[in-house]
């Protein structure tokens, strides 16, 4: 057993020695082999890099040579172009020098000719002076001789003859003018009466004038108290803001048993009607439902705008007027909720259009254009609360914006003399407008308030010094004022007129606008 163990031990030791020896041999030979391999790879990479470097350098030199050659060719082309330009400029300078020399020669010839003409003119002037002196001497001698013969001063004779001729001419002219004016007035009056008689007999309106409602009754006193208390609800303020300026005024009951009312005024007619319908719908529901007025108001606005578009289209179709813009038709329909002196402006516009067509046919003017002017003449009243100025000017501008002819726009502006236009069409429109407004029952004026307004206007005007006469015209819409030319200077006239207008605004309550016209003139008349 021990022998076997000894053999195993010897074998193990020998194997271990052989393993250590092999490991030492491998450990020594392997790094040297790897090092040689790495050096070969490095030499190969360095060789390839050197070859790549030489290739890149060659390519770069080649590209640089090509670029240099291209730049050289471009430089040669540029130099050739510059040379050609210089040659062209030299040729131009040569031509200009030739032209300048030619012009100098021509100017020299003209100067010489001018000097000759000047000399000739001087000679002629001397001859003319000589002839004039001879003529003057002859006239003086003749006048002296005539004065000696007639025993009268020359200046006195001239003045007497001049006065006699002028007086005779003036007298003849005045007589002739008076005869012509009388004859024209007579014929014009008779002709106008005949035309108006035929118009009245031909015009037969078929519509019934509606009455506008500009208030809402509040039957429940508690609701009215709630409306009067803005801290608890904002119904009135909200509706005023939604309607862009419609004035809502709370009026308590004047007598026991009568309802309180909310009065509506100003603003766009459609918005005012929408406010009225909104109040009639929400008031019975009580304050709890007043917060929903926005949707209710917008609903009524859309409904009324659709009605306005239908009314405008209906008017255009009835009058058979072509090519009127939809926006203008809508504005015409919106006049159904606009009144002037309680006259419905939609029906007024339709009536003026019909009357203008009849008048135009009687006077030989195009009736279609006249009807067009009549229908559009007051569309500015629909938006005059937004824009400063006369509704006639606003109407003309609005029509012009949507493609109406210049003749139609100017005629519309002239129907209240905002634009002076003395054409047959303008007088037709003014006459038709006057006929519609003056028809019995068309407009309702409170006589007492009207007279008070006129008296207040006259008092405000006469508070200024230098006023000679005051004429209130056109239903209180125009004021013609004559001033003393000695007390009001011409350069102060514009400021004076503006001051009167401001005074009327402060002291007088009036609907619409008032035109103030101030005239300053001196006249002297003598009739024998």
Foldseek 3Di string as FASTA:
>chain_A
DVVVVVVVVVVVVVVVVVVVVVVVVCVVPVVVVVVVVVVVVVVVVVVVVVVVVVVVVVVVVVVVVVVVVVVVVVVVVVVVVVVVVVVVVVVVVVVVVVVVVVVVVVVVVVVVVVVVVVVVVVVVVVVVVVVVVVVVVVVVVVLVVVCVVVVDDPVVVVVVVVVVVVVVVVQVVVVVVVVVVVVVVVVVVVLVVVLVVVLVVPDDDDDDFDFADFKAWDADVVLLVVVVDVVNDPLQVVLCVVQVHWDWDWACDPDPPGTTMIGTDDGFLLSSVLSRVLCVPCSVVDPVCSVVSVVSSVVSSVVLLVQLLVLLVVLCVVLVAPDQDSVLSSLLSSLQRPDDLRFRSNVLLSQLLVQLLSSCVSVVHHSNLLSVLSNQLQSLSSPCSPDDDASQLSSLVVRVVSPDDPVSSQLSNPLVDPDDDPDPSNVSSVVSSCCQCPPPPRHHDDVVLLVVQVVQLVVLLVVDPFWDDWDQDDSNQEIETEGECVVAPPVCVVVSQVVSLVSSVVRGDDPGHHHYHYDYDDDDDDDD
